[in-house]
Amino acid sequence: MKHYWWKILALLLLLYGIIAGLLGPVPALPIVHETIRNVYFHVPMWFTMFTLYLISVIYSIKYLSSNNPHHDLVAVESVNVGVIFCTFGLLTGMAWANFTWGAPWPNDPKLNGSAIATLMYLAYLVLRNALEEEQKRAKISAIYNVFAFPIMIVLMYILPKTTDSLHPGAGGNSGFGQFDLDGSMKAVLYPTAIGWILTGIWLMTLRFRIRKLEYQNHTVSE
């Protein structure tokens, strides 16, 4: 049981986040109204994606210094799962934007930056599949990953804060935290985000274990 406590915690936090996110009190804000509840689902997707991409770049650096193939497997599987959460982040954001701004994809620097960052990580996966030799594939993709991560941070978090953006907390706009005076949303958002992050890591470890077995079988067969 001591090895599974964090998985149980992840499930409990997700259950809490879904129930409290749909039924709990939220501040009455103009324009967004009840759609502000989407923050409990949209924002944790990005937090989880960011965490997985961070794990990926850490293990890419570890691979470059050790040439341990298991580090490369952790890096690629972190990106694989991170792209899934990125997709959910885009979809929940588009649904919210369609209600709030009247279009699922308005011309917004944060949305455009997110699209470019997503294509950049999809290119990482395409690059890996295009290279057949294992060590060459692992090394080139690790170098690519090391450069992709800071570019993603610039595109999604730095540039929107310095330009005109529709997003709260970017382009000089106030974040939702300014209106949530009683902290009720934070009491739901932060535990929910932790639950999704733990779930993302859980999925990544499952994929890593599968890839590790495939790698070992491939090595034995050779």
C-alpha atoms as a PDB file:
ATOM      1  CA  MET A   1       0.000   0.000   0.000  1.00  0.00           C
ATOM      2  CA  LYS A   2       2.863   2.396   0.745  1.00  0.00           C
ATOM      3  CA  HIS A   3       3.829   2.355  -2.941  1.00  0.00           C
ATOM      4  CA  TYR A   4       0.308   3.257  -4.116  1.00  0.00           C
ATOM      5  CA  TRP A   5      -0.648   6.034  -1.703  1.00  0.00           C
ATOM      6  CA  TRP A   6      -0.027   8.787  -4.237  1.00  0.00           C
ATOM      7  CA  LYS A   7      -2.235   7.045  -6.816  1.00  0.00           C
ATOM      8  CA  ILE A   8      -5.074   6.811  -4.299  1.00  0.00           C
ATOM      9  CA  LEU A   9      -4.482  10.468  -3.441  1.00  0.00           C
ATOM     10  CA  ALA A  10      -4.692  11.366  -7.141  1.00  0.00           C
ATOM     11  CA  LEU A  11      -8.056   9.643  -7.519  1.00  0.00           C
ATOM     12  CA  LEU A  12      -9.441  11.267  -4.362  1.00  0.00           C
ATOM     13  CA  LEU A  13      -8.302  14.723  -5.464  1.00  0.00           C
ATOM     14  CA  LEU A  14      -9.826  14.236  -8.916  1.00  0.00           C
ATOM     15  CA  LEU A  15     -13.121  13.139  -7.370  1.00  0.00           C
ATOM     16  CA  TYR A  16     -13.062  16.153  -5.069  1.00  0.00           C
ATOM     17  CA  GLY A  17     -12.225  18.484  -7.957  1.00  0.00           C
ATOM     18  CA  ILE A  18     -15.022  17.206 -10.190  1.00  0.00           C
ATOM     19  CA  ILE A  19     -17.703  17.376  -7.481  1.00  0.00           C
ATOM     20  CA  ALA A  20     -16.609  20.709  -5.999  1.00  0.00           C
ATOM     21  CA  GLY A  21     -15.915  22.138  -9.442  1.00  0.00           C
ATOM     22  CA  LEU A  22     -19.425  21.420 -10.661  1.00  0.00           C
ATOM     23  CA  LEU A  23     -21.398  22.023  -7.465  1.00  0.00           C
ATOM     24  CA  GLY A  24     -19.309  24.349  -5.288  1.00  0.00           C
ATOM     25  CA  PRO A  25     -19.813  28.125  -5.000  1.00  0.00           C
ATOM     26  CA  VAL A  26     -18.113  30.451  -7.490  1.00  0.00           C
ATOM     27  CA  PRO A  27     -17.955  34.258  -7.622  1.00  0.00           C
ATOM     28  CA  ALA A  28     -20.571  35.983  -9.796  1.00  0.00           C
ATOM     29  CA  LEU A  29     -18.557  37.619 -12.566  1.00  0.00           C
ATOM     30  CA  PRO A  30     -19.861  39.425 -15.654  1.00  0.00           C
ATOM     31  CA  ILE A  31     -19.525  37.750 -19.067  1.00  0.00           C
ATOM     32  CA  VAL A  32     -18.098  34.429 -17.808  1.00  0.00           C
ATOM     33  CA  HIS A  33     -20.881  33.693 -15.271  1.00  0.00           C
ATOM     34  CA  GLU A  34     -21.003  29.942 -14.466  1.00  0.00           C
ATOM     35  CA  THR A  35     -18.426  29.114 -17.152  1.00  0.00           C
ATOM     36  CA  ILE A  36     -15.788  30.191 -14.640  1.00  0.00           C
ATOM     37  CA  ARG A  37     -16.080  26.600 -13.392  1.00  0.00           C
ATOM     38  CA  ASN A  38     -14.080  25.619 -16.453  1.00  0.00           C
ATOM     39  CA  VAL A  39     -11.015  26.983 -14.681  1.00  0.00           C
ATOM     40  CA  TYR A  40     -11.050  23.794 -12.564  1.00  0.00           C
ATOM     41  CA  PHE A  41     -10.629  21.703 -15.704  1.00  0.00           C
ATOM     42  CA  HIS A  42      -8.821  23.972 -18.182  1.00  0.00           C
ATOM     43  CA  VAL A  43      -6.006  25.266 -15.978  1.00  0.00           C
ATOM     44  CA  PRO A  44      -5.013  21.867 -14.457  1.00  0.00           C
ATOM     45  CA  MET A  45      -4.548  20.513 -17.994  1.00  0.00           C
ATOM     46  CA  TRP A  46      -1.841  23.105 -18.604  1.00  0.00           C
ATOM     47  CA  PHE A  47      -0.269  22.564 -15.182  1.00  0.00           C
ATOM     48  CA  THR A  48      -0.049  18.837 -15.897  1.00  0.00           C
ATOM     49  CA  MET A  49       1.317  19.375 -19.397  1.00  0.00           C
ATOM     50  CA  PHE A  50       3.958  21.762 -18.070  1.00  0.00           C
ATOM     51  CA  THR A  51       4.990  19.288 -15.352  1.00  0.00           C
ATOM     52  CA  LEU A  52       5.334  16.429 -17.851  1.00  0.00           C
ATOM     53  CA  TYR A  53       7.324  18.557 -20.297  1.00  0.00           C
ATOM     54  CA  LEU A  54       9.572  19.608 -17.410  1.00  0.00           C
ATOM     55  CA  ILE A  55      10.139  15.952 -16.479  1.00  0.00           C
ATOM     56  CA  SER A  56      10.859  15.249 -20.144  1.00  0.00           C
ATOM     57  CA  VAL A  57      13.536  17.917 -20.489  1.00  0.00           C
ATOM     58  CA  ILE A  58      15.160  16.856 -17.189  1.00  0.00           C
ATOM     59  CA  TYR A  59      15.445  13.282 -18.423  1.00  0.00           C
ATOM     60  CA  SER A  60      16.666  14.442 -21.831  1.00  0.00           C
ATOM     61  CA  ILE A  61      19.500  16.242 -20.062  1.00  0.00           C
ATOM     62  CA  LYS A  62      20.147  13.146 -17.942  1.00  0.00           C
ATOM     63  CA  TYR A  63      20.276  11.032 -21.097  1.00  0.00           C
ATOM     64  CA  LEU A  64      22.798  13.353 -22.743  1.00  0.00           C
ATOM     65  CA  SER A  65      25.051  13.007 -19.692  1.00  0.00           C
ATOM     66  CA  SER A  66      24.585   9.264 -19.134  1.00  0.00           C
ATOM     67  CA  ASN A  67      23.448   7.645 -22.428  1.00  0.00           C
ATOM     68  CA  ASN A  68      21.064   5.572 -20.321  1.00  0.00           C
ATOM     69  CA  PRO A  69      18.259   4.461 -22.698  1.00  0.00           C
ATOM     70  CA  HIS A  70      15.760   4.392 -19.807  1.00  0.00           C
ATOM     71  CA  HIS A  71      16.198   8.141 -19.404  1.00  0.00           C
ATOM     72  CA  ASP A  72      15.321   8.577 -23.057  1.00  0.00           C
ATOM     73  CA  LEU A  73      12.201   6.450 -22.604  1.00  0.00           C
ATOM     74  CA  VAL A  74      11.038   8.564 -19.667  1.00  0.00           C
ATOM     75  CA  ALA A  75      11.613  11.706 -21.739  1.00  0.00           C
ATOM     76  CA  VAL A  76       9.578  10.549 -24.732  1.00  0.00           C
ATOM     77  CA  GLU A  77       6.736   9.081 -22.690  1.00  0.00           C
ATOM     78  CA  SER A  78       6.487  12.305 -20.686  1.00  0.00           C
ATOM     79  CA  VAL A  79       5.991  14.159 -23.965  1.00  0.00           C
ATOM     80  CA  ASN A  80       3.484  11.565 -25.215  1.00  0.00           C
ATOM     81  CA  VAL A  81       1.296  12.014 -22.137  1.00  0.00           C
ATOM     82  CA  GLY A  82       1.954  15.747 -22.042  1.00  0.00           C
ATOM     83  CA  VAL A  83       0.590  16.126 -25.570  1.00  0.00           C
ATOM     84  CA  ILE A  84      -2.626  14.409 -24.451  1.00  0.00           C
ATOM     85  CA  PHE A  85      -3.122  16.930 -21.645  1.00  0.00           C
ATOM     86  CA  CYS A  86      -2.169  19.719 -24.040  1.00  0.00           C
ATOM     87  CA  THR A  87      -4.977  18.577 -26.349  1.00  0.00           C
ATOM     88  CA  PHE A  88      -7.492  18.629 -23.500  1.00  0.00           C
ATOM     89  CA  GLY A  89      -6.207  22.060 -22.490  1.00  0.00           C
ATOM     90  CA  LEU A  90      -6.799  23.368 -26.000  1.00  0.00           C
ATOM     91  CA  LEU A  91     -10.268  21.822 -26.250  1.00  0.00           C
ATOM     92  CA  THR A  92     -11.467  23.138 -22.881  1.00  0.00           C
ATOM     93  CA  GLY A  93      -9.976  26.519 -23.740  1.00  0.00           C
ATOM     94  CA  MET A  94     -11.717  26.628 -27.116  1.00  0.00           C
ATOM     95  CA  ALA A  95     -15.069  25.785 -25.512  1.00  0.00           C
ATOM     96  CA  TRP A  96     -14.562  28.544 -22.946  1.00  0.00           C
ATOM     97  CA  ALA A  97     -13.394  31.064 -25.565  1.00  0.00           C
ATOM     98  CA  ASN A  98     -16.413  30.347 -27.738  1.00  0.00           C
ATOM     99  CA  PHE A  99     -18.738  31.329 -24.897  1.00  0.00           C
ATOM    100  CA  THR A 100     -16.709  34.223 -23.492  1.00  0.00           C
ATOM    101  CA  TRP A 101     -15.204  35.792 -26.612  1.00  0.00           C
ATOM    102  CA  GLY A 102     -17.655  34.607 -29.256  1.00  0.00           C
ATOM    103  CA  ALA A 103     -15.217  32.403 -31.180  1.00  0.00           C
ATOM    104  CA  PRO A 104     -13.351  29.180 -30.331  1.00  0.00           C
ATOM    105  CA  TRP A 105     -10.061  30.608 -31.626  1.00  0.00           C
ATOM    106  CA  PRO A 106      -9.830  34.420 -31.603  1.00  0.00           C
ATOM    107  CA  ASN A 107      -6.606  36.111 -32.637  1.00  0.00           C
ATOM    108  CA  ASP A 108      -4.929  35.971 -29.237  1.00  0.00           C
ATOM    109  CA  PRO A 109      -1.153  35.702 -28.662  1.00  0.00           C
ATOM    110  CA  LYS A 110      -1.530  33.090 -25.926  1.00  0.00           C
ATOM    111  CA  LEU A 111      -3.722  30.886 -28.112  1.00  0.00           C
ATOM    112  CA  ASN A 112      -1.384  31.277 -31.062  1.00  0.00           C
ATOM    113  CA  GLY A 113       1.636  30.599 -28.863  1.00  0.00           C
ATOM    114  CA  SER A 114      -0.038  27.472 -27.499  1.00  0.00           C
ATOM    115  CA  ALA A 115      -0.678  26.240 -31.047  1.00  0.00           C
ATOM    116  CA  ILE A 116       2.954  26.791 -32.052  1.00  0.00           C
ATOM    117  CA  ALA A 117       4.207  25.057 -28.895  1.00  0.00           C
ATOM    118  CA  THR A 118       1.900  22.099 -29.562  1.00  0.00           C
ATOM    119  CA  LEU A 119       3.173  21.766 -33.135  1.00  0.00           C
ATOM    120  CA  MET A 120       6.710  21.996 -31.807  1.00  0.00           C
ATOM    121  CA  TYR A 121       6.237  18.998 -29.520  1.00  0.00           C
ATOM    122  CA  LEU A 122       4.384  17.061 -32.213  1.00  0.00           C
ATOM    123  CA  ALA A 123       7.437  17.705 -34.406  1.00  0.00           C
ATOM    124  CA  TYR A 124       9.561  16.184 -31.625  1.00  0.00           C
ATOM    125  CA  LEU A 125       7.548  12.957 -31.863  1.00  0.00           C
ATOM    126  CA  VAL A 126       7.704  12.987 -35.667  1.00  0.00           C
ATOM    127  CA  LEU A 127      11.477  13.498 -35.492  1.00  0.00           C
ATOM    128  CA  ARG A 128      11.877  10.438 -33.287  1.00  0.00           C
ATOM    129  CA  ASN A 129       9.854   8.257 -35.658  1.00  0.00           C
ATOM    130  CA  ALA A 130      11.879   9.491 -38.632  1.00  0.00           C
ATOM    131  CA  LEU A 131      15.175   8.247 -37.188  1.00  0.00           C
ATOM    132  CA  GLU A 132      15.757   4.503 -37.107  1.00  0.00           C
ATOM    133  CA  GLU A 133      19.113   4.180 -35.318  1.00  0.00           C
ATOM    134  CA  GLU A 134      18.327   4.154 -31.584  1.00  0.00           C
ATOM    135  CA  GLN A 135      21.242   6.104 -30.140  1.00  0.00           C
ATOM    136  CA  LYS A 136      21.124   8.719 -32.896  1.00  0.00           C
ATOM    137  CA  ARG A 137      17.370   9.096 -32.427  1.00  0.00           C
ATOM    138  CA  ALA A 138      17.669   9.445 -28.671  1.00  0.00           C
ATOM    139  CA  LYS A 139      20.516  11.970 -28.804  1.00  0.00           C
ATOM    140  CA  ILE A 140      19.072  14.211 -31.521  1.00  0.00           C
ATOM    141  CA  SER A 141      15.596  14.231 -29.970  1.00  0.00           C
ATOM    142  CA  ALA A 142      17.083  14.964 -26.526  1.00  0.00           C
ATOM    143  CA  ILE A 143      18.931  18.000 -27.909  1.00  0.00           C
ATOM    144  CA  TYR A 144      15.742  19.139 -29.660  1.00  0.00           C
ATOM    145  CA  ASN A 145      13.799  18.721 -26.404  1.00  0.00           C
ATOM    146  CA  VAL A 146      16.274  20.803 -24.414  1.00  0.00           C
ATOM    147  CA  PHE A 147      15.749  23.740 -26.791  1.00  0.00           C
ATOM    148  CA  ALA A 148      11.993  23.219 -27.223  1.00  0.00           C
ATOM    149  CA  PHE A 149      11.172  23.593 -23.530  1.00  0.00           C
ATOM    150  CA  PRO A 150      12.364  27.201 -23.002  1.00  0.00           C
ATOM    151  CA  ILE A 151      10.806  28.218 -26.334  1.00  0.00           C
ATOM    152  CA  MET A 152       7.490  26.776 -25.117  1.00  0.00           C
ATOM    153  CA  ILE A 153       7.770  28.839 -21.912  1.00  0.00           C
ATOM    154  CA  VAL A 154       8.355  32.009 -23.940  1.00  0.00           C
ATOM    155  CA  LEU A 155       5.464  31.329 -26.319  1.00  0.00           C
ATOM    156  CA  MET A 156       2.882  30.386 -23.698  1.00  0.00           C
ATOM    157  CA  TYR A 157       3.803  32.376 -20.605  1.00  0.00           C
ATOM    158  CA  ILE A 158       6.172  35.253 -21.325  1.00  0.00           C
ATOM    159  CA  LEU A 159       5.044  36.776 -24.637  1.00  0.00           C
ATOM    160  CA  PRO A 160       1.306  36.922 -23.681  1.00  0.00           C
ATOM    161  CA  LYS A 161       2.215  38.957 -20.600  1.00  0.00           C
ATOM    162  CA  THR A 162       4.043  41.557 -22.695  1.00  0.00           C
ATOM    163  CA  THR A 163       1.476  41.947 -25.502  1.00  0.00           C
ATOM    164  CA  ASP A 164      -2.253  42.568 -25.792  1.00  0.00           C
ATOM    165  CA  SER A 165      -4.048  39.382 -24.776  1.00  0.00           C
ATOM    166  CA  LEU A 166      -7.606  38.440 -23.935  1.00  0.00           C
ATOM    167  CA  HIS A 167      -6.503  35.966 -21.283  1.00  0.00           C
ATOM    168  CA  PRO A 168      -6.851  36.838 -17.586  1.00  0.00           C
ATOM    169  CA  GLY A 169      -3.482  37.507 -16.015  1.00  0.00           C
ATOM    170  CA  ALA A 170      -1.891  38.334 -19.394  1.00  0.00           C
ATOM    171  CA  GLY A 171      -1.491  41.516 -21.403  1.00  0.00           C
ATOM    172  CA  GLY A 172      -2.181  43.656 -18.342  1.00  0.00           C
ATOM    173  CA  ASN A 173      -5.511  41.935 -17.617  1.00  0.00           C
ATOM    174  CA  SER A 174      -6.432  41.078 -14.038  1.00  0.00           C
ATOM    175  CA  GLY A 175      -6.380  37.416 -13.058  1.00  0.00           C
ATOM    176  CA  PHE A 176      -9.370  35.673 -11.529  1.00  0.00           C
ATOM    177  CA  GLY A 177      -7.587  35.732  -8.181  1.00  0.00           C
ATOM    178  CA  GLN A 178      -8.394  39.430  -7.830  1.00  0.00           C
ATOM    179  CA  PHE A 179     -12.132  38.680  -7.847  1.00  0.00           C
ATOM    180  CA  ASP A 180     -12.006  35.510  -5.738  1.00  0.00           C
ATOM    181  CA  LEU A 181     -11.791  37.326  -2.432  1.00  0.00           C
ATOM    182  CA  ASP A 182     -12.843  34.412  -0.217  1.00  0.00           C
ATOM    183  CA  GLY A 183     -10.344  31.964  -1.733  1.00  0.00           C
ATOM    184  CA  SER A 184     -13.050  29.366  -2.387  1.00  0.00           C
ATOM    185  CA  MET A 185     -11.839  28.768  -5.931  1.00  0.00           C
ATOM    186  CA  LYS A 186      -8.234  28.302  -4.841  1.00  0.00           C
ATOM    187  CA  ALA A 187      -9.369  25.660  -2.357  1.00  0.00           C
ATOM    188  CA  VAL A 188     -10.694  23.658  -5.295  1.00  0.00           C
ATOM    189  CA  LEU A 189      -8.263  24.595  -8.072  1.00  0.00           C
ATOM    190  CA  TYR A 190      -4.986  23.750  -6.349  1.00  0.00           C
ATOM    191  CA  PRO A 191      -5.955  20.286  -5.029  1.00  0.00           C
ATOM    192  CA  THR A 192      -7.540  19.485  -8.398  1.00  0.00           C
ATOM    193  CA  ALA A 193      -4.378  20.530 -10.221  1.00  0.00           C
ATOM    194  CA  ILE A 194      -2.293  18.314  -7.935  1.00  0.00           C
ATOM    195  CA  GLY A 195      -4.660  15.417  -8.639  1.00  0.00           C
ATOM    196  CA  TRP A 196      -4.329  15.852 -12.410  1.00  0.00           C
ATOM    197  CA  ILE A 197      -0.544  16.209 -12.180  1.00  0.00           C
ATOM    198  CA  LEU A 198      -0.282  12.976 -10.193  1.00  0.00           C
ATOM    199  CA  THR A 199      -2.585  11.277 -12.710  1.00  0.00           C
ATOM    200  CA  GLY A 200      -0.407  12.474 -15.591  1.00  0.00           C
ATOM    201  CA  ILE A 201       2.720  11.133 -13.904  1.00  0.00           C
ATOM    202  CA  TRP A 202       0.880   7.873 -13.218  1.00  0.00           C
ATOM    203  CA  LEU A 203       0.012   7.492 -16.907  1.00  0.00           C
ATOM    204  CA  MET A 204       3.582   8.323 -17.875  1.00  0.00           C
ATOM    205  CA  THR A 205       5.008   5.668 -15.556  1.00  0.00           C
ATOM    206  CA  LEU A 206       2.628   3.070 -17.013  1.00  0.00           C
ATOM    207  CA  ARG A 207       3.718   3.918 -20.548  1.00  0.00           C
ATOM    208  CA  PHE A 208       7.366   3.899 -19.479  1.00  0.00           C
ATOM    209  CA  ARG A 209       7.058   0.429 -17.978  1.00  0.00           C
ATOM    210  CA  ILE A 210       5.509  -0.862 -21.205  1.00  0.00           C
ATOM    211  CA  ARG A 211       8.215   0.738 -23.335  1.00  0.00           C
ATOM    212  CA  LYS A 212      10.903  -0.565 -20.979  1.00  0.00           C
ATOM    213  CA  LEU A 213       9.626  -4.140 -21.427  1.00  0.00           C
ATOM    214  CA  GLU A 214       9.502  -3.673 -25.204  1.00  0.00           C
ATOM    215  CA  TYR A 215      13.067  -2.332 -25.176  1.00  0.00           C
ATOM    216  CA  GLN A 216      14.316  -5.259 -23.075  1.00  0.00           C
ATOM    217  CA  ASN A 217      12.607  -7.798 -25.346  1.00  0.00           C
ATOM    218  CA  HIS A 218      14.063  -6.087 -28.399  1.00  0.00           C
ATOM    219  CA  THR A 219      17.546  -6.136 -26.848  1.00  0.00           C
ATOM    220  CA  VAL A 220      17.267  -9.832 -25.958  1.00  0.00           C
ATOM    221  CA  SER A 221      16.049 -10.765 -29.445  1.00  0.00           C
ATOM    222  CA  GLU A 222      19.098  -9.107 -30.965  1.00  0.00           C
END
